[in-house]
C-alpha atoms as a PDB file:
ATOM      1  CA  UNK A   1     379.911  82.116  28.510  1.00  0.00           C
ATOM      2  CA  UNK A   2     377.952  83.231  31.414  1.00  0.00           C
ATOM      3  CA  UNK A   3     374.713  81.732  32.011  1.00  0.00           C
ATOM      4  CA  UNK A   4     374.860  82.681  35.395  1.00  0.00           C
ATOM      5  CA  UNK A   5     372.652  82.221  37.598  1.00  0.00           C
ATOM      6  CA  UNK A   6     372.593  85.776  37.967  1.00  0.00           C
ATOM      7  CA  UNK A   7     370.069  84.674  35.911  1.00  0.00           C
ATOM      8  CA  UNK A   8     368.048  83.396  38.576  1.00  0.00           C
ATOM      9  CA  UNK A   9     368.788  86.163  40.875  1.00  0.00           C
ATOM     10  CA  UNK A  10     366.555  88.348  38.909  1.00  0.00           C
ATOM     11  CA  UNK A  11     363.634  86.380  40.066  1.00  0.00           C
ATOM     12  CA  UNK A  12     364.083  87.482  43.555  1.00  0.00           C
ATOM     13  CA  UNK A  13     363.427  90.953  42.315  1.00  0.00           C
ATOM     14  CA  UNK A  14     359.859  90.048  42.436  1.00  0.00           C
ATOM     15  CA  UNK A  15     360.181  89.867  46.145  1.00  0.00           C
ATOM     16  CA  UNK A  16     360.976  93.450  46.576  1.00  0.00           C
ATOM     17  CA  UNK A  17     357.913  94.947  45.384  1.00  0.00           C
ATOM     18  CA  UNK A  18     355.109  93.556  47.300  1.00  0.00           C
ATOM     19  CA  UNK A  19     353.512  93.707  50.641  1.00  0.00           C
ATOM     20  CA  UNK A  20     352.157  90.835  52.568  1.00  0.00           C
ATOM     21  CA  UNK A  21     353.099  87.257  52.254  1.00  0.00           C
ATOM     22  CA  UNK A  22     355.542  85.148  54.001  1.00  0.00           C
ATOM     23  CA  UNK A  23     358.354  83.348  52.327  1.00  0.00           C
ATOM     24  CA  UNK A  24     357.012  80.986  49.682  1.00  0.00           C
ATOM     25  CA  UNK A  25     358.329  78.779  46.886  1.00  0.00           C
ATOM     26  CA  UNK A  26     358.323  80.125  43.337  1.00  0.00           C
ATOM     27  CA  UNK A  27     359.679  78.734  40.078  1.00  0.00           C
ATOM     28  CA  UNK A  28     360.540  79.961  36.613  1.00  0.00           C
ATOM     29  CA  UNK A  29     357.880  79.764  33.953  1.00  0.00           C
ATOM     30  CA  UNK A  30     360.067  77.890  31.459  1.00  0.00           C
ATOM     31  CA  UNK A  31     357.883  78.820  28.495  1.00  0.00           C
ATOM     32  CA  UNK A  32     358.563  82.535  28.969  1.00  0.00           C
ATOM     33  CA  UNK A  33     361.929  82.748  30.764  1.00  0.00           C
ATOM     34  CA  UNK A  34     365.261  83.167  29.026  1.00  0.00           C
ATOM     35  CA  UNK A  35     368.802  83.088  30.452  1.00  0.00           C
ATOM     36  CA  UNK A  36     371.268  84.783  28.130  1.00  0.00           C
ATOM     37  CA  UNK A  37     374.700  86.391  27.878  1.00  0.00           C
ATOM     38  CA  UNK A  38     376.230  89.225  25.875  1.00  0.00           C
ATOM     39  CA  UNK A  39     379.905  89.934  25.187  1.00  0.00           C
ATOM     40  CA  UNK A  40     381.426  93.067  23.671  1.00  0.00           C
ATOM     41  CA  UNK A  41     384.649  94.227  22.059  1.00  0.00           C
ATOM     42  CA  UNK A  42     385.385  97.944  22.196  1.00  0.00           C
ATOM     43  CA  UNK A  43     381.720  98.610  22.964  1.00  0.00           C
ATOM     44  CA  UNK A  44     380.287  96.631  20.067  1.00  0.00           C
ATOM     45  CA  UNK A  45     378.315  93.414  20.671  1.00  0.00           C
ATOM     46  CA  UNK A  46     380.482  90.471  19.578  1.00  0.00           C
ATOM     47  CA  UNK A  47     378.591  87.414  20.783  1.00  0.00           C
ATOM     48  CA  UNK A  48     375.244  86.626  22.358  1.00  0.00           C
ATOM     49  CA  UNK A  49     373.743  83.360  23.426  1.00  0.00           C
ATOM     50  CA  UNK A  50     371.080  81.601  25.456  1.00  0.00           C
ATOM     51  CA  UNK A  51     371.025  78.654  27.803  1.00  0.00           C
ATOM     52  CA  UNK A  52     368.198  76.242  27.049  1.00  0.00           C
ATOM     53  CA  UNK A  53     368.242  74.320  30.340  1.00  0.00           C
ATOM     54  CA  UNK A  54     368.189  75.927  33.777  1.00  0.00           C
ATOM     55  CA  UNK A  55     366.300  75.623  37.040  1.00  0.00           C
ATOM     56  CA  UNK A  56     365.688  77.857  39.988  1.00  0.00           C
ATOM     57  CA  UNK A  57     364.917  77.264  43.625  1.00  0.00           C
ATOM     58  CA  UNK A  58     363.294  80.515  44.683  1.00  0.00           C
ATOM     59  CA  UNK A  59     362.105  81.105  48.202  1.00  0.00           C
ATOM     60  CA  UNK A  60     360.695  84.629  48.106  1.00  0.00           C
ATOM     61  CA  UNK A  61     359.340  86.854  50.860  1.00  0.00           C
ATOM     62  CA  UNK A  62     357.560  89.975  49.595  1.00  0.00           C
ATOM     63  CA  UNK A  63     357.346  91.615  53.021  1.00  0.00           C
ATOM     64  CA  UNK A  64     360.940  91.009  54.029  1.00  0.00           C
ATOM     65  CA  UNK A  65     363.052  90.494  50.894  1.00  0.00           C
ATOM     66  CA  UNK A  66     366.157  89.950  53.027  1.00  0.00           C
ATOM     67  CA  UNK A  67     364.658  86.583  54.026  1.00  0.00           C
ATOM     68  CA  UNK A  68     364.504  85.462  50.393  1.00  0.00           C
ATOM     69  CA  UNK A  69     366.848  82.766  49.085  1.00  0.00           C
ATOM     70  CA  UNK A  70     367.665  82.066  45.450  1.00  0.00           C
ATOM     71  CA  UNK A  71     369.621  79.309  43.774  1.00  0.00           C
ATOM     72  CA  UNK A  72     369.878  79.013  40.009  1.00  0.00           C
ATOM     73  CA  UNK A  73     371.560  76.156  38.170  1.00  0.00           C
ATOM     74  CA  UNK A  74     372.398  76.455  34.476  1.00  0.00           C
ATOM     75  CA  UNK A  75     373.283  73.530  32.242  1.00  0.00           C
ATOM     76  CA  UNK A  76     376.349  74.972  30.468  1.00  0.00           C
ATOM     77  CA  UNK A  77     376.068  72.398  27.688  1.00  0.00           C
ATOM     78  CA  UNK A  78     372.706  73.862  26.690  1.00  0.00           C
ATOM     79  CA  UNK A  79     374.312  77.041  25.321  1.00  0.00           C
ATOM     80  CA  UNK A  80     373.204  78.227  21.909  1.00  0.00           C
ATOM     81  CA  UNK A  81     375.055  81.138  20.296  1.00  0.00           C
ATOM     82  CA  UNK A  82     373.709  80.942  16.767  1.00  0.00           C
ATOM     83  CA  UNK A  83     376.040  78.526  14.983  1.00  0.00           C
ATOM     84  CA  UNK A  84     377.393  75.053  15.677  1.00  0.00           C
ATOM     85  CA  UNK A  85     380.944  76.432  15.377  1.00  0.00           C
ATOM     86  CA  UNK A  86     380.344  79.125  18.010  1.00  0.00           C
ATOM     87  CA  UNK A  87     378.462  76.696  20.284  1.00  0.00           C
ATOM     88  CA  UNK A  88     381.343  74.224  20.099  1.00  0.00           C
ATOM     89  CA  UNK A  89     383.895  76.939  20.864  1.00  0.00           C
ATOM     90  CA  UNK A  90     381.972  78.190  23.932  1.00  0.00           C
ATOM     91  CA  UNK A  91     381.475  74.613  25.200  1.00  0.00           C
ATOM     92  CA  UNK A  92     385.151  73.783  24.607  1.00  0.00           C
ATOM     93  CA  UNK A  93     387.999  73.352  27.089  1.00  0.00           C
ATOM     94  CA  UNK A  94     389.311  76.915  26.820  1.00  0.00           C
ATOM     95  CA  UNK A  95     385.907  78.444  27.542  1.00  0.00           C
ATOM     96  CA  UNK A  96     383.169  76.760  29.649  1.00  0.00           C
ATOM     97  CA  UNK A  97     384.624  73.239  29.365  1.00  0.00           C
ATOM     98  CA  UNK A  98     381.143  71.748  29.619  1.00  0.00           C
ATOM     99  CA  UNK A  99     382.479  68.192  29.557  1.00  0.00           C
ATOM    100  CA  UNK A 100     384.178  68.698  32.922  1.00  0.00           C
ATOM    101  CA  UNK A 101     381.965  71.463  34.324  1.00  0.00           C
ATOM    102  CA  UNK A 102     378.379  70.811  33.225  1.00  0.00           C
ATOM    103  CA  UNK A 103     376.750  73.419  35.487  1.00  0.00           C
ATOM    104  CA  UNK A 104     377.055  77.044  36.506  1.00  0.00           C
ATOM    105  CA  UNK A 105     375.407  77.834  39.838  1.00  0.00           C
ATOM    106  CA  UNK A 106     374.335  81.069  41.475  1.00  0.00           C
ATOM    107  CA  UNK A 107     373.464  81.081  45.166  1.00  0.00           C
ATOM    108  CA  UNK A 108     372.235  84.251  46.853  1.00  0.00           C
ATOM    109  CA  UNK A 109     373.884  85.474  50.049  1.00  0.00           C
ATOM    110  CA  UNK A 110     371.762  88.602  50.554  1.00  0.00           C
ATOM    111  CA  UNK A 111     368.736  90.286  49.019  1.00  0.00           C
ATOM    112  CA  UNK A 112     368.074  93.982  49.555  1.00  0.00           C
ATOM    113  CA  UNK A 113     365.204  96.179  48.396  1.00  0.00           C
ATOM    114  CA  UNK A 114     366.438  99.015  46.168  1.00  0.00           C
ATOM    115  CA  UNK A 115     363.091 100.587  45.309  1.00  0.00           C
ATOM    116  CA  UNK A 116     359.435  99.768  44.978  1.00  0.00           C
ATOM    117  CA  UNK A 117     360.104  97.333  42.150  1.00  0.00           C
ATOM    118  CA  UNK A 118     363.787  96.453  42.270  1.00  0.00           C
ATOM    119  CA  UNK A 119     366.193  94.369  44.318  1.00  0.00           C
ATOM    120  CA  UNK A 120     369.921  94.037  44.713  1.00  0.00           C
ATOM    121  CA  UNK A 121     370.841  90.366  44.979  1.00  0.00           C
ATOM    122  CA  UNK A 122     374.336  89.514  46.107  1.00  0.00           C
ATOM    123  CA  UNK A 123     375.592  85.989  45.857  1.00  0.00           C
ATOM    124  CA  UNK A 124     378.202  83.576  44.643  1.00  0.00           C
ATOM    125  CA  UNK A 125     378.523  82.436  41.049  1.00  0.00           C
ATOM    126  CA  UNK A 126     380.339  79.173  40.399  1.00  0.00           C
ATOM    127  CA  UNK A 127     381.649  78.472  36.897  1.00  0.00           C
ATOM    128  CA  UNK A 128     384.343  75.870  36.106  1.00  0.00           C
ATOM    129  CA  UNK A 129     384.504  75.044  39.861  1.00  0.00           C
ATOM    130  CA  UNK A 130     385.578  78.626  40.618  1.00  0.00           C
ATOM    131  CA  UNK A 131     383.335  80.633  42.922  1.00  0.00           C
ATOM    132  CA  UNK A 132     383.302  84.437  42.871  1.00  0.00           C
ATOM    133  CA  UNK A 133     380.927  87.055  44.310  1.00  0.00           C
ATOM    134  CA  UNK A 134     378.474  88.706  41.924  1.00  0.00           C
ATOM    135  CA  UNK A 135     375.737  91.314  42.274  1.00  0.00           C
ATOM    136  CA  UNK A 136     372.517  91.109  40.294  1.00  0.00           C
ATOM    137  CA  UNK A 137     369.843  93.748  39.937  1.00  0.00           C
ATOM    138  CA  UNK A 138     366.296  92.479  39.495  1.00  0.00           C
ATOM    139  CA  UNK A 139     363.179  94.429  38.595  1.00  0.00           C
ATOM    140  CA  UNK A 140     359.563  93.353  38.741  1.00  0.00           C
ATOM    141  CA  UNK A 141     357.622  94.190  35.593  1.00  0.00           C
ATOM    142  CA  UNK A 142     354.194  93.039  36.761  1.00  0.00           C
ATOM    143  CA  UNK A 143     351.581  93.278  39.510  1.00  0.00           C
ATOM    144  CA  UNK A 144     352.778  91.620  42.719  1.00  0.00           C
ATOM    145  CA  UNK A 145     349.338  91.505  44.306  1.00  0.00           C
ATOM    146  CA  UNK A 146     347.966  89.590  41.317  1.00  0.00           C
ATOM    147  CA  UNK A 147     350.979  87.265  41.427  1.00  0.00           C
ATOM    148  CA  UNK A 148     350.266  86.471  45.064  1.00  0.00           C
ATOM    149  CA  UNK A 149     346.804  85.366  43.974  1.00  0.00           C
ATOM    150  CA  UNK A 150     348.184  83.012  41.354  1.00  0.00           C
ATOM    151  CA  UNK A 151     349.179  85.076  38.313  1.00  0.00           C
ATOM    152  CA  UNK A 152     352.652  84.853  36.842  1.00  0.00           C
ATOM    153  CA  UNK A 153     355.025  87.679  37.746  1.00  0.00           C
ATOM    154  CA  UNK A 154     357.148  89.172  34.941  1.00  0.00           C
ATOM    155  CA  UNK A 155     360.698  90.264  35.845  1.00  0.00           C
ATOM    156  CA  UNK A 156     364.108  90.951  34.414  1.00  0.00           C
ATOM    157  CA  UNK A 157     367.503  90.709  36.050  1.00  0.00           C
ATOM    158  CA  UNK A 158     371.045  91.462  35.025  1.00  0.00           C
ATOM    159  CA  UNK A 159     374.583  91.224  36.304  1.00  0.00           C
ATOM    160  CA  UNK A 160     378.082  90.772  34.948  1.00  0.00           C
ATOM    161  CA  UNK A 161     381.322  88.948  35.665  1.00  0.00           C
ATOM    162  CA  UNK A 162     384.896  88.936  34.390  1.00  0.00           C
ATOM    163  CA  UNK A 163     385.997  85.915  32.339  1.00  0.00           C
ATOM    164  CA  UNK A 164     389.570  85.786  33.764  1.00  0.00           C
ATOM    165  CA  UNK A 165     388.219  85.361  37.305  1.00  0.00           C
ATOM    166  CA  UNK A 166     386.838  81.974  36.209  1.00  0.00           C
ATOM    167  CA  UNK A 167     389.653  80.939  33.872  1.00  0.00           C
ATOM    168  CA  UNK A 168     387.374  81.337  30.850  1.00  0.00           C
ATOM    169  CA  UNK A 169     389.105  81.996  27.551  1.00  0.00           C
ATOM    170  CA  UNK A 170     392.542  82.869  28.905  1.00  0.00           C
ATOM    171  CA  UNK A 171     393.980  83.243  25.415  1.00  0.00           C
ATOM    172  CA  UNK A 172     390.855  84.690  23.815  1.00  0.00           C
ATOM    173  CA  UNK A 173     391.240  88.326  22.849  1.00  0.00           C
ATOM    174  CA  UNK A 174     388.322  88.784  20.460  1.00  0.00           C
ATOM    175  CA  UNK A 175     385.946  89.768  23.286  1.00  0.00           C
ATOM    176  CA  UNK A 176     386.350  91.992  26.318  1.00  0.00           C
ATOM    177  CA  UNK A 177     386.759  90.360  29.722  1.00  0.00           C
ATOM    178  CA  UNK A 178     383.322  91.434  30.995  1.00  0.00           C
ATOM    179  CA  UNK A 179     380.356  89.168  30.270  1.00  0.00           C
ATOM    180  CA  UNK A 180     376.827  90.478  30.849  1.00  0.00           C
ATOM    181  CA  UNK A 181     374.153  88.074  32.049  1.00  0.00           C
ATOM    182  CA  UNK A 182     370.445  88.670  31.566  1.00  0.00           C
ATOM    183  CA  UNK A 183     367.439  86.745  32.780  1.00  0.00           C
ATOM    184  CA  UNK A 184     364.038  87.816  31.583  1.00  0.00           C
ATOM    185  CA  UNK A 185     360.747  86.070  32.009  1.00  0.00           C
ATOM    186  CA  UNK A 186     358.180  85.153  34.609  1.00  0.00           C
ATOM    187  CA  UNK A 187     358.029  83.377  37.938  1.00  0.00           C
ATOM    188  CA  UNK A 188     355.050  81.516  39.330  1.00  0.00           C
ATOM    189  CA  UNK A 189     354.085  79.427  42.331  1.00  0.00           C
END
């Protein structure tokens, strides 16, 4: 459903927390990073899934997070929701329509420090050729100073969007309209 790039926004969280270092290029550690979605119905989890293929272009500035830029691209056809039937439904024309729209893209428009270890990342999420604003909250779970010296930096990020805004599942009433996106993992230089 939503492999947003929100998902990638979370990475910029890492920016928030540290002192000293100009804008530099970072990337996801693919072995430890996961982009996933969760849907609910009346508060109960109905469907969850992961996207197996994604990439991020992360230009992070620890001293001035507002200078950071993030772009995350998710291969919508790489969705895995637990069964072939569910995967096929999510990839189908009424949902993500991966045959016509193979990617979901998040591009940051602003990054703002929210605390010592968290960021608010505003940007645009494009799904099914529809672009809507989205806000992602990212939190650094590791030591920024060590990351600057070469260690990986753990983080998690989350955001949400409304399916109808993207024309996803217009006639689907087994899940609520809101889809939560989560990215958890590590970034590295």
